[in-house]
Amino acid sequence: MNKSRGFLYQLARILGDVNAVNKGKVGKRIGRRVAGKATGRGLRKLFK
């Protein structure tokens, strides 16, 4: 079950990328992804 969940999340991310390309909002999506990763790293360091 864990593998299928991971596959579905990956598929959703790819579909979101395709949707962003079609709507011309790739820059926003990349910015949000970078911001999310930075936030996650900061929180990980904070609660480690």
N, C-alpha and C. Protein backbone atom coordinates (compact mmCIF):
# COMPACT_ATOMS: atom_id res chain seq x y z
N MET A 1 0.83 -1.19 0.00
CA MET A 1 0.00 0.00 0.00
C MET A 1 0.87 1.26 0.00
N ASN A 2 1.99 1.20 0.69
CA ASN A 2 2.87 2.36 0.78
C ASN A 2 3.44 2.75 -0.59
N LYS A 3 3.77 1.73 -1.39
CA LYS A 3 4.31 2.01 -2.72
C LYS A 3 3.27 2.69 -3.60
N SER A 4 2.03 2.22 -3.52
CA SER A 4 0.99 2.80 -4.36
C SER A 4 0.70 4.24 -3.94
N ARG A 5 0.79 4.53 -2.65
CA ARG A 5 0.56 5.89 -2.20
C ARG A 5 1.65 6.81 -2.73
N GLY A 6 2.89 6.35 -2.65
CA GLY A 6 4.00 7.14 -3.17
C GLY A 6 3.86 7.39 -4.66
N PHE A 7 3.43 6.35 -5.37
CA PHE A 7 3.22 6.49 -6.81
C PHE A 7 2.14 7.53 -7.10
N LEU A 8 1.06 7.49 -6.33
CA LEU A 8 -0.03 8.44 -6.55
C LEU A 8 0.40 9.88 -6.26
N TYR A 9 1.18 10.07 -5.20
CA TYR A 9 1.69 11.41 -4.91
C TYR A 9 2.60 11.91 -6.02
N GLN A 10 3.44 11.03 -6.53
CA GLN A 10 4.35 11.40 -7.62
C GLN A 10 3.55 11.74 -8.87
N LEU A 11 2.54 10.95 -9.16
CA LEU A 11 1.68 11.20 -10.32
C LEU A 11 0.97 12.54 -10.18
N ALA A 12 0.48 12.84 -8.99
CA ALA A 12 -0.20 14.11 -8.75
C ALA A 12 0.75 15.28 -8.96
N ARG A 13 2.00 15.12 -8.52
CA ARG A 13 2.98 16.19 -8.70
C ARG A 13 3.27 16.43 -10.19
N ILE A 14 3.39 15.34 -10.94
CA ILE A 14 3.64 15.47 -12.38
C ILE A 14 2.46 16.11 -13.08
N LEU A 15 1.25 15.69 -12.72
CA LEU A 15 0.06 16.28 -13.33
C LEU A 15 -0.05 17.77 -12.98
N GLY A 16 0.32 18.13 -11.76
CA GLY A 16 0.33 19.54 -11.38
C GLY A 16 1.33 20.34 -12.19
N ASP A 17 2.50 19.74 -12.46
CA ASP A 17 3.51 20.40 -13.31
C ASP A 17 2.97 20.61 -14.71
N VAL A 18 2.33 19.60 -15.27
CA VAL A 18 1.77 19.70 -16.62
C VAL A 18 0.69 20.78 -16.65
N ASN A 19 -0.14 20.81 -15.64
CA ASN A 19 -1.20 21.81 -15.55
C ASN A 19 -0.61 23.22 -15.47
N ALA A 20 0.46 23.39 -14.71
CA ALA A 20 1.11 24.69 -14.58
C ALA A 20 1.70 25.13 -15.91
N VAL A 21 2.28 24.19 -16.64
CA VAL A 21 2.83 24.52 -17.96
C VAL A 21 1.71 24.99 -18.89
N ASN A 22 0.59 24.28 -18.87
CA ASN A 22 -0.53 24.64 -19.74
C ASN A 22 -1.10 26.01 -19.40
N LYS A 23 -1.11 26.36 -18.13
CA LYS A 23 -1.67 27.65 -17.70
C LYS A 23 -0.62 28.77 -17.70
N GLY A 24 0.65 28.41 -17.91
CA GLY A 24 1.71 29.41 -17.95
C GLY A 24 2.10 29.91 -16.57
N LYS A 25 1.97 29.07 -15.55
CA LYS A 25 2.28 29.49 -14.19
C LYS A 25 3.40 28.64 -13.59
N VAL A 26 4.38 28.31 -14.43
CA VAL A 26 5.48 27.46 -13.98
C VAL A 26 6.33 28.17 -12.95
N GLY A 27 6.60 29.45 -13.17
CA GLY A 27 7.44 30.21 -12.24
C GLY A 27 6.88 30.23 -10.83
N LYS A 28 5.57 30.44 -10.73
CA LYS A 28 4.91 30.45 -9.42
C LYS A 28 5.06 29.10 -8.75
N ARG A 29 4.86 28.04 -9.52
CA ARG A 29 4.93 26.69 -8.96
C ARG A 29 6.33 26.37 -8.46
N ILE A 30 7.34 26.76 -9.25
CA ILE A 30 8.73 26.51 -8.85
C ILE A 30 9.04 27.30 -7.58
N GLY A 31 8.60 28.55 -7.52
CA GLY A 31 8.84 29.38 -6.34
C GLY A 31 8.21 28.78 -5.09
N ARG A 32 7.00 28.30 -5.23
CA ARG A 32 6.32 27.69 -4.08
C ARG A 32 7.02 26.41 -3.65
N ARG A 33 7.49 25.64 -4.62
CA ARG A 33 8.17 24.38 -4.28
C ARG A 33 9.47 24.67 -3.54
N VAL A 34 10.23 25.65 -4.00
CA VAL A 34 11.49 26.02 -3.34
C VAL A 34 11.22 26.55 -1.94
N ALA A 35 10.19 27.39 -1.82
CA ALA A 35 9.85 27.94 -0.50
C ALA A 35 9.43 26.82 0.46
N GLY A 36 8.68 25.87 -0.04
CA GLY A 36 8.23 24.76 0.78
C GLY A 36 9.38 23.90 1.26
N LYS A 37 10.33 23.66 0.37
CA LYS A 37 11.50 22.86 0.75
C LYS A 37 12.34 23.59 1.80
N ALA A 38 12.51 24.90 1.62
CA ALA A 38 13.29 25.68 2.58
C ALA A 38 12.61 25.69 3.94
N THR A 39 11.29 25.83 3.93
CA THR A 39 10.53 25.82 5.19
C THR A 39 10.68 24.47 5.88
N GLY A 40 10.57 23.39 5.10
CA GLY A 40 10.71 22.05 5.66
C GLY A 40 12.07 21.83 6.28
N ARG A 41 13.11 22.31 5.62
CA ARG A 41 14.47 22.17 6.16
C ARG A 41 14.62 22.95 7.46
N GLY A 42 14.06 24.17 7.46
CA GLY A 42 14.16 25.00 8.66
C GLY A 42 13.43 24.37 9.84
N LEU A 43 12.24 23.85 9.58
CA LEU A 43 11.48 23.20 10.66
C LEU A 43 12.17 21.93 11.14
N ARG A 44 12.78 21.22 10.21
CA ARG A 44 13.50 19.98 10.58
C ARG A 44 14.65 20.32 11.52
N LYS A 45 15.38 21.38 11.20
CA LYS A 45 16.50 21.79 12.07
C LYS A 45 16.00 22.27 13.42
N LEU A 46 14.85 22.95 13.40
CA LEU A 46 14.29 23.50 14.63
C LEU A 46 13.85 22.41 15.59
N PHE A 47 13.24 21.36 15.08
CA PHE A 47 12.70 20.31 15.92
C PHE A 47 13.57 19.07 16.02
N LYS A 48 14.79 19.15 15.54
CA LYS A 48 15.69 18.00 15.57
C LYS A 48 16.24 17.75 16.95
